[in-house]
N, C-alpha and C. Protein backbone atom coordinates (compact mmCIF):
# COMPACT_ATOMS: atom_id res chain seq x y z
N MET A 1 40.52 82.83 -32.34
CA MET A 1 39.22 82.21 -32.36
C MET A 1 38.78 82.11 -33.81
N THR A 2 38.44 80.82 -34.26
CA THR A 2 37.95 80.62 -35.64
C THR A 2 36.44 80.56 -35.57
N GLU A 3 35.80 81.13 -36.49
CA GLU A 3 34.35 81.30 -36.58
C GLU A 3 33.87 80.54 -37.83
N PHE A 4 32.71 79.74 -37.59
CA PHE A 4 32.10 79.12 -38.64
C PHE A 4 30.58 79.39 -38.59
N THR A 5 29.97 79.73 -39.73
CA THR A 5 28.55 80.08 -39.75
C THR A 5 27.84 79.18 -40.72
N SER A 6 26.69 78.72 -40.32
CA SER A 6 25.86 77.94 -41.20
C SER A 6 25.13 78.79 -42.16
N ASP A 7 24.54 78.11 -43.28
CA ASP A 7 23.71 78.87 -44.14
C ASP A 7 22.40 79.20 -43.45
N THR A 8 21.70 80.21 -43.81
CA THR A 8 20.46 80.47 -43.09
C THR A 8 19.42 79.47 -43.62
N LYS A 9 18.68 79.01 -42.57
CA LYS A 9 17.67 78.02 -42.82
C LYS A 9 16.28 78.73 -42.67
N THR A 10 15.22 78.21 -43.29
CA THR A 10 13.88 78.70 -43.13
C THR A 10 13.13 77.63 -42.30
N ILE A 11 12.42 78.08 -41.26
CA ILE A 11 11.53 77.31 -40.46
C ILE A 11 10.14 77.83 -40.59
N PRO A 12 9.19 76.97 -41.05
CA PRO A 12 7.84 77.49 -41.30
C PRO A 12 6.89 77.61 -40.03
N HIS A 13 7.40 78.32 -38.93
CA HIS A 13 6.80 78.59 -37.69
C HIS A 13 7.19 79.91 -37.11
N ASN A 14 6.44 80.43 -36.19
CA ASN A 14 6.81 81.72 -35.69
C ASN A 14 7.98 81.53 -34.67
N LYS A 15 8.65 82.60 -34.40
CA LYS A 15 9.86 82.66 -33.59
C LYS A 15 9.66 82.17 -32.18
N GLU A 16 8.51 82.55 -31.63
CA GLU A 16 8.15 82.10 -30.29
C GLU A 16 8.11 80.62 -30.13
N ARG A 17 7.48 79.97 -31.10
CA ARG A 17 7.41 78.47 -31.07
C ARG A 17 8.74 77.81 -31.30
N VAL A 18 9.52 78.34 -32.22
CA VAL A 18 10.88 77.78 -32.47
C VAL A 18 11.76 77.95 -31.32
N PHE A 19 11.77 79.21 -30.67
CA PHE A 19 12.58 79.46 -29.55
C PHE A 19 12.16 78.61 -28.35
N GLY A 20 10.94 78.46 -28.12
CA GLY A 20 10.39 77.60 -27.02
C GLY A 20 10.87 76.15 -27.20
N MET A 21 10.95 75.65 -28.37
CA MET A 21 11.46 74.22 -28.57
C MET A 21 12.99 74.16 -28.38
N LEU A 22 13.63 75.10 -29.01
CA LEU A 22 15.20 74.99 -28.97
C LEU A 22 15.77 75.49 -27.70
N SER A 23 15.14 76.29 -26.89
CA SER A 23 15.73 76.72 -25.72
C SER A 23 15.61 75.80 -24.50
N ASN A 24 14.79 74.72 -24.70
CA ASN A 24 14.68 73.58 -23.71
C ASN A 24 15.24 72.38 -24.30
N LEU A 25 16.50 72.03 -24.12
CA LEU A 25 17.11 70.93 -24.81
C LEU A 25 16.57 69.56 -24.54
N SER A 26 15.75 69.43 -23.52
CA SER A 26 15.04 68.10 -23.39
C SER A 26 14.00 67.95 -24.46
N ASN A 27 13.55 69.05 -25.13
CA ASN A 27 12.69 68.88 -26.34
C ASN A 27 13.36 68.21 -27.54
N LEU A 28 14.69 68.10 -27.45
CA LEU A 28 15.43 67.59 -28.62
C LEU A 28 15.66 66.09 -28.54
N GLU A 29 15.23 65.47 -27.44
CA GLU A 29 15.42 64.13 -27.17
C GLU A 29 15.04 63.25 -28.42
N GLY A 30 13.99 63.62 -29.07
CA GLY A 30 13.54 62.75 -30.29
C GLY A 30 14.45 63.00 -31.41
N MET A 31 15.37 63.95 -31.41
CA MET A 31 16.23 64.18 -32.63
C MET A 31 17.34 63.19 -32.63
N LYS A 32 17.67 62.59 -31.55
CA LYS A 32 18.87 61.68 -31.52
C LYS A 32 18.69 60.49 -32.43
N ASP A 33 17.43 60.14 -32.88
CA ASP A 33 17.24 59.09 -33.90
C ASP A 33 17.61 59.52 -35.30
N LEU A 34 17.82 60.78 -35.43
CA LEU A 34 18.19 61.33 -36.76
C LEU A 34 19.67 61.38 -37.06
N ILE A 35 20.41 61.03 -35.93
CA ILE A 35 21.94 61.13 -36.04
C ILE A 35 22.44 59.76 -36.10
N PRO A 36 23.41 59.47 -37.05
CA PRO A 36 23.95 58.11 -37.21
C PRO A 36 24.71 57.78 -35.99
N GLN A 37 24.34 56.62 -35.46
CA GLN A 37 24.87 56.15 -34.12
C GLN A 37 26.39 55.80 -34.26
N ASP A 38 26.87 55.60 -35.54
CA ASP A 38 28.40 55.37 -35.60
C ASP A 38 29.17 56.64 -35.35
N LYS A 39 28.54 57.80 -35.44
CA LYS A 39 29.16 59.06 -35.27
C LYS A 39 29.11 59.57 -33.88
N LEU A 40 27.85 59.59 -33.37
CA LEU A 40 27.64 60.13 -31.98
C LEU A 40 26.69 59.08 -31.27
N LYS A 41 27.00 58.89 -29.89
CA LYS A 41 26.19 58.00 -29.16
C LYS A 41 26.07 58.39 -27.75
N ASP A 42 25.26 57.75 -26.96
CA ASP A 42 25.12 58.00 -25.50
C ASP A 42 24.60 59.40 -25.25
N PHE A 43 23.55 59.74 -25.94
CA PHE A 43 22.97 61.09 -25.73
C PHE A 43 22.32 61.20 -24.39
N SER A 44 22.35 62.33 -23.71
CA SER A 44 21.54 62.61 -22.63
C SER A 44 21.14 64.13 -22.73
N PHE A 45 20.01 64.35 -22.34
CA PHE A 45 19.42 65.75 -22.40
C PHE A 45 18.79 66.25 -21.14
N ASP A 46 18.91 67.50 -20.81
CA ASP A 46 17.97 68.09 -19.78
C ASP A 46 17.68 69.42 -20.28
N ASN A 47 16.98 70.31 -19.50
CA ASN A 47 16.55 71.60 -19.94
C ASN A 47 17.69 72.45 -20.45
N ASP A 48 18.88 72.39 -19.79
CA ASP A 48 19.95 73.26 -20.16
C ASP A 48 21.16 72.67 -20.82
N SER A 49 21.26 71.38 -20.85
CA SER A 49 22.43 70.79 -21.44
C SER A 49 22.19 69.55 -22.29
N CYS A 50 23.13 69.22 -23.09
CA CYS A 50 23.16 68.06 -23.92
C CYS A 50 24.46 67.40 -23.91
N SER A 51 24.60 66.06 -23.70
CA SER A 51 25.92 65.34 -23.77
C SER A 51 25.80 64.23 -24.65
N PHE A 52 26.91 63.89 -25.31
CA PHE A 52 27.01 62.83 -26.13
C PHE A 52 28.44 62.36 -26.25
N CYS A 53 28.69 61.20 -26.78
CA CYS A 53 30.07 60.74 -27.01
C CYS A 53 30.46 60.69 -28.54
N VAL A 54 31.64 61.08 -28.77
CA VAL A 54 32.15 61.12 -30.18
C VAL A 54 33.35 60.30 -30.11
N ASP A 55 33.41 59.29 -30.98
CA ASP A 55 34.73 58.41 -31.14
C ASP A 55 35.58 59.16 -32.01
N PRO A 56 36.87 59.33 -31.74
CA PRO A 56 37.62 58.83 -30.57
C PRO A 56 37.81 59.90 -29.49
N ILE A 57 37.03 61.04 -29.57
CA ILE A 57 37.26 62.21 -28.70
C ILE A 57 36.75 61.94 -27.24
N GLY A 58 35.53 61.27 -27.14
CA GLY A 58 35.01 61.10 -25.86
C GLY A 58 33.75 61.87 -25.67
N LYS A 59 33.37 62.15 -24.36
CA LYS A 59 32.18 62.86 -24.02
C LYS A 59 32.32 64.30 -24.19
N ILE A 60 31.22 64.85 -24.77
CA ILE A 60 31.21 66.33 -25.00
C ILE A 60 29.86 66.82 -24.41
N THR A 61 29.89 67.93 -23.67
CA THR A 61 28.61 68.51 -23.07
C THR A 61 28.57 69.97 -23.57
N PHE A 62 27.40 70.27 -24.04
CA PHE A 62 27.02 71.59 -24.39
C PHE A 62 26.03 72.10 -23.30
N ARG A 63 26.29 73.28 -22.81
CA ARG A 63 25.29 73.92 -21.86
C ARG A 63 24.90 75.22 -22.37
N ILE A 64 23.64 75.60 -22.16
CA ILE A 64 23.06 76.84 -22.47
C ILE A 64 23.62 77.84 -21.39
N VAL A 65 24.22 78.95 -21.91
CA VAL A 65 24.75 79.94 -21.01
C VAL A 65 23.97 81.29 -21.12
N GLU A 66 23.10 81.39 -22.08
CA GLU A 66 22.29 82.67 -22.28
C GLU A 66 21.14 82.35 -23.17
N ARG A 67 19.94 82.88 -22.79
CA ARG A 67 18.82 82.82 -23.68
C ARG A 67 18.27 84.26 -23.81
N GLU A 68 18.24 84.77 -24.99
CA GLU A 68 17.56 86.10 -25.27
C GLU A 68 16.27 85.75 -25.94
N PRO A 69 15.18 85.84 -25.23
CA PRO A 69 13.90 85.41 -25.76
C PRO A 69 13.68 85.73 -27.20
N HIS A 70 13.28 84.62 -27.89
CA HIS A 70 12.85 84.64 -29.27
C HIS A 70 13.94 85.20 -30.30
N LYS A 71 15.25 85.31 -29.84
CA LYS A 71 16.24 85.76 -30.74
C LYS A 71 17.53 84.94 -30.76
N THR A 72 17.99 84.56 -29.50
CA THR A 72 19.37 83.96 -29.47
C THR A 72 19.34 82.96 -28.36
N ILE A 73 20.09 81.83 -28.58
CA ILE A 73 20.42 80.77 -27.62
C ILE A 73 21.92 80.59 -27.67
N LYS A 74 22.70 80.81 -26.61
CA LYS A 74 24.07 80.63 -26.62
C LYS A 74 24.54 79.49 -25.79
N PHE A 75 25.50 78.71 -26.40
CA PHE A 75 25.97 77.42 -25.64
C PHE A 75 27.47 77.53 -25.47
N THR A 76 28.05 76.84 -24.60
CA THR A 76 29.49 76.63 -24.40
C THR A 76 29.66 75.18 -24.11
N THR A 77 30.84 74.68 -24.34
CA THR A 77 31.13 73.31 -23.95
C THR A 77 31.69 73.22 -22.56
N LEU A 78 31.30 72.11 -21.81
CA LEU A 78 31.84 71.91 -20.56
C LEU A 78 32.96 70.82 -20.65
N HIS A 79 32.76 69.84 -21.48
CA HIS A 79 33.74 68.75 -21.59
C HIS A 79 34.07 68.64 -23.15
N SER A 80 35.13 69.15 -23.57
CA SER A 80 35.54 69.13 -24.94
C SER A 80 37.01 69.36 -25.06
N PRO A 81 37.66 68.59 -25.93
CA PRO A 81 39.06 68.79 -26.13
C PRO A 81 39.41 70.28 -26.74
N VAL A 82 38.48 70.82 -27.35
CA VAL A 82 38.66 72.17 -27.98
C VAL A 82 37.52 73.08 -27.42
N PRO A 83 37.83 74.20 -26.72
CA PRO A 83 36.77 75.02 -26.31
C PRO A 83 35.90 75.56 -27.48
N LEU A 84 34.68 75.38 -27.39
CA LEU A 84 33.62 75.89 -28.34
C LEU A 84 32.51 76.68 -27.75
N ASN A 85 32.03 77.57 -28.55
CA ASN A 85 30.86 78.33 -28.28
C ASN A 85 30.03 78.27 -29.60
N VAL A 86 28.70 78.11 -29.29
CA VAL A 86 27.66 78.02 -30.35
C VAL A 86 26.45 78.94 -30.13
N TRP A 87 26.06 79.66 -31.09
CA TRP A 87 24.88 80.52 -31.04
C TRP A 87 23.81 80.00 -32.09
N ILE A 88 22.60 79.99 -31.64
CA ILE A 88 21.49 79.87 -32.52
C ILE A 88 20.82 81.20 -32.62
N GLN A 89 20.73 81.77 -33.74
CA GLN A 89 20.14 83.07 -34.05
C GLN A 89 18.83 82.88 -34.80
N LEU A 90 17.83 83.50 -34.26
CA LEU A 90 16.48 83.44 -34.90
C LEU A 90 15.94 84.83 -35.28
N LYS A 91 15.35 84.94 -36.50
CA LYS A 91 14.71 86.18 -36.91
C LYS A 91 13.47 85.85 -37.66
N GLN A 92 12.35 86.34 -37.20
CA GLN A 92 11.15 86.11 -37.96
C GLN A 92 10.83 87.20 -39.01
N VAL A 93 10.62 86.75 -40.18
CA VAL A 93 10.45 87.69 -41.44
C VAL A 93 8.94 87.71 -41.78
N ALA A 94 8.19 86.76 -41.34
CA ALA A 94 6.70 86.87 -41.57
C ALA A 94 6.02 85.98 -40.58
N GLU A 95 4.71 85.98 -40.55
CA GLU A 95 3.93 85.24 -39.52
C GLU A 95 4.46 83.84 -39.25
N ASN A 96 4.63 83.04 -40.22
CA ASN A 96 5.07 81.59 -40.04
C ASN A 96 6.39 81.37 -40.83
N ASP A 97 7.34 82.31 -40.71
CA ASP A 97 8.61 82.31 -41.46
C ASP A 97 9.72 82.81 -40.55
N THR A 98 10.34 81.88 -39.93
CA THR A 98 11.48 82.20 -39.06
C THR A 98 12.79 81.81 -39.75
N ARG A 99 13.78 82.59 -39.70
CA ARG A 99 15.11 82.26 -40.25
C ARG A 99 16.03 81.95 -39.10
N MET A 100 16.90 80.95 -39.26
CA MET A 100 17.70 80.45 -38.37
C MET A 100 19.13 80.35 -38.88
N ARG A 101 20.11 80.74 -38.10
CA ARG A 101 21.53 80.47 -38.53
C ARG A 101 22.30 80.14 -37.24
N LEU A 102 23.25 79.23 -37.42
CA LEU A 102 24.13 78.72 -36.33
C LEU A 102 25.49 79.32 -36.51
N THR A 103 26.04 79.75 -35.48
CA THR A 103 27.54 80.23 -35.49
C THR A 103 28.25 79.41 -34.50
N LEU A 104 29.52 79.03 -34.80
CA LEU A 104 30.37 78.29 -33.95
C LEU A 104 31.72 78.97 -33.86
N ARG A 105 32.14 79.17 -32.66
CA ARG A 105 33.53 79.72 -32.44
C ARG A 105 34.29 78.72 -31.68
N ALA A 106 35.54 78.45 -32.24
CA ALA A 106 36.47 77.44 -31.56
C ALA A 106 37.87 77.99 -31.46
N GLU A 107 38.44 77.67 -30.33
CA GLU A 107 39.90 77.94 -30.17
C GLU A 107 40.69 76.87 -30.81
N LEU A 108 41.15 77.07 -32.06
CA LEU A 108 41.86 75.98 -32.70
C LEU A 108 43.34 76.41 -32.93
N SER A 109 44.23 75.46 -32.62
CA SER A 109 45.67 75.72 -32.78
C SER A 109 45.93 75.67 -34.22
N PRO A 110 47.03 76.40 -34.76
CA PRO A 110 47.35 76.38 -36.15
C PRO A 110 47.60 74.90 -36.69
N PHE A 111 48.04 74.04 -35.91
CA PHE A 111 48.25 72.68 -36.22
C PHE A 111 46.88 71.96 -36.50
N LEU A 112 45.84 72.25 -35.60
CA LEU A 112 44.57 71.57 -35.63
C LEU A 112 43.56 72.10 -36.74
N LYS A 113 43.72 73.46 -36.89
CA LYS A 113 42.82 74.17 -37.76
C LYS A 113 42.60 73.44 -39.16
N PRO A 114 43.68 73.20 -39.94
CA PRO A 114 43.41 72.65 -41.22
C PRO A 114 42.77 71.27 -41.24
N MET A 115 42.91 70.55 -40.14
CA MET A 115 42.29 69.13 -40.03
C MET A 115 40.85 69.18 -39.66
N VAL A 116 40.42 70.26 -38.98
CA VAL A 116 39.02 70.18 -38.40
C VAL A 116 38.10 71.21 -39.06
N THR A 117 38.64 72.13 -39.84
CA THR A 117 37.76 73.18 -40.40
C THR A 117 36.70 72.62 -41.29
N LYS A 118 36.87 71.67 -42.19
CA LYS A 118 35.88 71.12 -43.11
C LYS A 118 34.85 70.23 -42.24
N PRO A 119 35.41 69.31 -41.33
CA PRO A 119 34.51 68.58 -40.52
C PRO A 119 33.51 69.46 -39.55
N LEU A 120 34.11 70.53 -39.07
CA LEU A 120 33.24 71.33 -38.28
C LEU A 120 32.16 72.13 -39.08
N GLN A 121 32.58 72.64 -40.24
CA GLN A 121 31.62 73.35 -41.14
C GLN A 121 30.53 72.38 -41.57
N ASP A 122 30.93 71.22 -41.92
CA ASP A 122 29.98 70.20 -42.32
C ASP A 122 28.95 69.85 -41.20
N ALA A 123 29.51 69.63 -40.06
CA ALA A 123 28.76 69.30 -38.87
C ALA A 123 27.72 70.42 -38.60
N LEU A 124 28.13 71.65 -38.67
CA LEU A 124 27.25 72.84 -38.41
C LEU A 124 26.19 72.91 -39.37
N GLU A 125 26.51 72.54 -40.76
CA GLU A 125 25.42 72.59 -41.73
C GLU A 125 24.45 71.52 -41.50
N LYS A 126 24.87 70.29 -41.12
CA LYS A 126 23.89 69.25 -40.82
C LYS A 126 23.08 69.48 -39.66
N ILE A 127 23.61 70.06 -38.57
CA ILE A 127 22.85 70.32 -37.37
C ILE A 127 21.82 71.38 -37.74
N SER A 128 22.20 72.35 -38.43
CA SER A 128 21.16 73.47 -38.78
C SER A 128 20.10 72.88 -39.68
N ALA A 129 20.46 72.03 -40.59
CA ALA A 129 19.44 71.43 -41.51
C ALA A 129 18.53 70.54 -40.71
N THR A 130 19.03 69.82 -39.74
CA THR A 130 18.19 68.97 -38.87
C THR A 130 17.26 69.84 -38.07
N LEU A 131 17.81 70.86 -37.42
CA LEU A 131 17.02 71.73 -36.53
C LEU A 131 15.89 72.43 -37.32
N ALA A 132 16.11 72.83 -38.63
CA ALA A 132 15.12 73.40 -39.45
C ALA A 132 14.01 72.46 -39.71
N THR A 133 14.21 71.15 -39.69
CA THR A 133 13.10 70.27 -40.08
C THR A 133 12.39 69.62 -38.89
N LEU A 134 12.72 70.06 -37.68
CA LEU A 134 12.03 69.44 -36.46
C LEU A 134 10.59 69.79 -36.57
N PRO A 135 9.77 68.95 -35.92
CA PRO A 135 8.35 69.24 -35.85
C PRO A 135 7.99 70.23 -34.73
N TYR A 136 8.06 71.48 -35.09
CA TYR A 136 7.76 72.54 -34.02
C TYR A 136 6.28 72.65 -33.70
């Protein structure tokens, strides 16, 4: 299992508000306009899952498998050529100062790992930066 971790991001809101927004994926519907349509398209959201298409891979679905209130949201992929798990970790350090970090674990073959390491790390950083700037 290969692990990738984003830089820690600062969100200027309390952890309850941040967790409430991120733990219901239908709240992220407005975020799809922030993503270049040439990379990802055909988004669909509900409370527990998010699906999109990635060329040339196809449809990928992330589903929430665990919510630890105000601390962690864990996801797994349902449709993906590579099994992935993602965690959103939240820690409040002051009244309106929550720190967020994303962790991704993937089962990568030795052949695939050198080709996808940089793109996966870059994607994780972009996703965490976008999540940090949402209007909570």
